[in-house]
Amino acid sequence: MLRTHGEPVTVWLDGTDLPARLVHHGTRYRVIDQPTSLPRNPEWPSGISHPPADVILAPGWRVTGRTDAGTVLVFDLRHAPNGWTVEATYA
């Protein structure tokens, strides 16, 4: 994993509301796979004996993006109140 900080990202959706393109750190990526829905329920650390039951995460997608130069990254994207964010990036 490269990053996990809720960084802002610009996402374009296709006609079925799935991510099709994104710009992250000024670099354009085209989605090259079928987006996978991210879980809406958080994973709590094992030390929490009574996690809150009413916590629901925003909708999100895991996508693989490729630049025109051929760089490939996997992104975990979440739709936040102020737009899309990158939850995690994998090389």
C-alpha atoms as a PDB file:
ATOM      1  CA  MET A   1       0.000   0.000   0.000  1.00  0.00           C
ATOM      2  CA  LEU A   2       1.335   3.434  -0.873  1.00  0.00           C
ATOM      3  CA  ARG A   3      -1.071   5.940   0.739  1.00  0.00           C
ATOM      4  CA  THR A   4      -4.056   5.952   3.101  1.00  0.00           C
ATOM      5  CA  HIS A   5      -4.895   9.585   3.792  1.00  0.00           C
ATOM      6  CA  GLY A   6      -8.217  10.466   2.162  1.00  0.00           C
ATOM      7  CA  GLU A   7      -6.494  12.531  -0.529  1.00  0.00           C
ATOM      8  CA  PRO A   8      -8.787  14.381  -2.945  1.00  0.00           C
ATOM      9  CA  VAL A   9      -9.150  12.921  -6.425  1.00  0.00           C
ATOM     10  CA  THR A  10     -11.224  13.857  -9.468  1.00  0.00           C
ATOM     11  CA  VAL A  11     -13.359  10.974 -10.733  1.00  0.00           C
ATOM     12  CA  TRP A  12     -15.435  10.721 -13.908  1.00  0.00           C
ATOM     13  CA  LEU A  13     -18.256   8.189 -13.947  1.00  0.00           C
ATOM     14  CA  ASP A  14     -19.567   6.315 -16.970  1.00  0.00           C
ATOM     15  CA  GLY A  15     -23.232   6.027 -17.957  1.00  0.00           C
ATOM     16  CA  THR A  16     -23.830   3.383 -15.254  1.00  0.00           C
ATOM     17  CA  ASP A  17     -22.252   5.479 -12.441  1.00  0.00           C
ATOM     18  CA  LEU A  18     -19.039   3.438 -12.330  1.00  0.00           C
ATOM     19  CA  PRO A  19     -15.617   5.136 -12.251  1.00  0.00           C
ATOM     20  CA  ALA A  20     -14.163   5.396 -15.759  1.00  0.00           C
ATOM     21  CA  ARG A  21     -11.335   7.956 -15.373  1.00  0.00           C
ATOM     22  CA  LEU A  22      -9.586   9.769 -12.555  1.00  0.00           C
ATOM     23  CA  VAL A  23      -6.895  12.364 -11.924  1.00  0.00           C
ATOM     24  CA  HIS A  24      -4.670  11.782  -8.913  1.00  0.00           C
ATOM     25  CA  HIS A  25      -1.688  14.046  -8.091  1.00  0.00           C
ATOM     26  CA  GLY A  26      -2.076  15.684 -11.501  1.00  0.00           C
ATOM     27  CA  THR A  27      -1.825  12.380 -13.385  1.00  0.00           C
ATOM     28  CA  ARG A  28      -4.682  11.034 -15.509  1.00  0.00           C
ATOM     29  CA  TYR A  29      -5.649   7.346 -15.172  1.00  0.00           C
ATOM     30  CA  ARG A  30      -8.151   5.334 -17.200  1.00  0.00           C
ATOM     31  CA  VAL A  31      -9.970   2.570 -15.338  1.00  0.00           C
ATOM     32  CA  ILE A  32      -8.977  -0.698 -17.000  1.00  0.00           C
ATOM     33  CA  ASP A  33     -10.968  -3.238 -14.952  1.00  0.00           C
ATOM     34  CA  GLN A  34     -14.455  -3.812 -13.607  1.00  0.00           C
ATOM     35  CA  PRO A  35     -14.777  -1.619 -10.468  1.00  0.00           C
ATOM     36  CA  THR A  36     -15.377  -3.555  -7.245  1.00  0.00           C
ATOM     37  CA  SER A  37     -17.621  -2.113  -4.547  1.00  0.00           C
ATOM     38  CA  LEU A  38     -15.861  -1.396  -1.242  1.00  0.00           C
ATOM     39  CA  PRO A  39     -17.484  -2.599   2.009  1.00  0.00           C
ATOM     40  CA  ARG A  40     -19.758  -0.109   3.754  1.00  0.00           C
ATOM     41  CA  ASN A  41     -19.166  -1.563   7.255  1.00  0.00           C
ATOM     42  CA  PRO A  42     -15.779  -0.703   8.802  1.00  0.00           C
ATOM     43  CA  GLU A  43     -13.389  -3.412   9.958  1.00  0.00           C
ATOM     44  CA  TRP A  44     -12.756  -2.815  13.649  1.00  0.00           C
ATOM     45  CA  PRO A  45      -9.493  -3.829  15.360  1.00  0.00           C
ATOM     46  CA  SER A  46      -9.766  -7.073  17.347  1.00  0.00           C
ATOM     47  CA  GLY A  47      -9.190  -5.188  20.618  1.00  0.00           C
ATOM     48  CA  ILE A  48     -12.541  -3.394  20.359  1.00  0.00           C
ATOM     49  CA  SER A  49     -15.011  -5.636  22.161  1.00  0.00           C
ATOM     50  CA  HIS A  50     -18.155  -3.571  21.449  1.00  0.00           C
ATOM     51  CA  PRO A  51     -17.772  -1.636  18.199  1.00  0.00           C
ATOM     52  CA  PRO A  52     -20.519   0.832  17.309  1.00  0.00           C
ATOM     53  CA  ALA A  53     -23.188  -0.879  15.231  1.00  0.00           C
ATOM     54  CA  ASP A  54     -24.467   2.212  13.420  1.00  0.00           C
ATOM     55  CA  VAL A  55     -21.294   3.238  11.538  1.00  0.00           C
ATOM     56  CA  ILE A  56     -21.717   3.043   7.759  1.00  0.00           C
ATOM     57  CA  LEU A  57     -18.959   4.155   5.379  1.00  0.00           C
ATOM     58  CA  ALA A  58     -19.606   6.184   2.251  1.00  0.00           C
ATOM     59  CA  PRO A  59     -19.970   4.300  -1.038  1.00  0.00           C
ATOM     60  CA  GLY A  60     -16.680   3.415  -2.667  1.00  0.00           C
ATOM     61  CA  TRP A  61     -14.918   1.489  -5.415  1.00  0.00           C
ATOM     62  CA  ARG A  62     -11.638  -0.360  -5.913  1.00  0.00           C
ATOM     63  CA  VAL A  63     -10.373   0.271  -9.442  1.00  0.00           C
ATOM     64  CA  THR A  64      -7.227  -0.353 -11.429  1.00  0.00           C
ATOM     65  CA  GLY A  65      -6.043   2.673 -13.386  1.00  0.00           C
ATOM     66  CA  ARG A  66      -3.419   3.013 -16.101  1.00  0.00           C
ATOM     67  CA  THR A  67      -1.725   6.178 -17.370  1.00  0.00           C
ATOM     68  CA  ASP A  68      -0.983   6.813 -21.052  1.00  0.00           C
ATOM     69  CA  ALA A  69       2.666   6.018 -20.185  1.00  0.00           C
ATOM     70  CA  GLY A  70       1.662   2.573 -18.868  1.00  0.00           C
ATOM     71  CA  THR A  71       1.921   3.125 -15.090  1.00  0.00           C
ATOM     72  CA  VAL A  72      -0.668   0.967 -13.296  1.00  0.00           C
ATOM     73  CA  LEU A  73      -2.031   1.603  -9.775  1.00  0.00           C
ATOM     74  CA  VAL A  74      -4.977   0.225  -7.813  1.00  0.00           C
ATOM     75  CA  PHE A  75      -7.104   2.846  -6.041  1.00  0.00           C
ATOM     76  CA  ASP A  76      -9.631   2.568  -3.220  1.00  0.00           C
ATOM     77  CA  LEU A  77     -12.003   5.489  -3.849  1.00  0.00           C
ATOM     78  CA  ARG A  78     -14.710   6.814  -1.502  1.00  0.00           C
ATOM     79  CA  HIS A  79     -17.349   9.418  -2.235  1.00  0.00           C
ATOM     80  CA  ALA A  80     -16.962  11.985   0.568  1.00  0.00           C
ATOM     81  CA  PRO A  81     -19.274  14.947   1.270  1.00  0.00           C
ATOM     82  CA  ASN A  82     -16.876  17.280  -0.604  1.00  0.00           C
ATOM     83  CA  GLY A  83     -16.147  14.935  -3.527  1.00  0.00           C
ATOM     84  CA  TRP A  84     -14.097  11.811  -4.108  1.00  0.00           C
ATOM     85  CA  THR A  85     -11.091  10.791  -2.013  1.00  0.00           C
ATOM     86  CA  VAL A  86      -8.398   8.128  -2.332  1.00  0.00           C
ATOM     87  CA  GLU A  87      -8.511   5.887   0.722  1.00  0.00           C
ATOM     88  CA  ALA A  88      -5.560   3.739  -0.372  1.00  0.00           C
ATOM     89  CA  THR A  89      -3.282   3.231  -3.372  1.00  0.00           C
ATOM     90  CA  TYR A  90      -1.501  -0.001  -4.277  1.00  0.00           C
ATOM     91  CA  ALA A  91       1.340  -0.511  -6.749  1.00  0.00           C
END
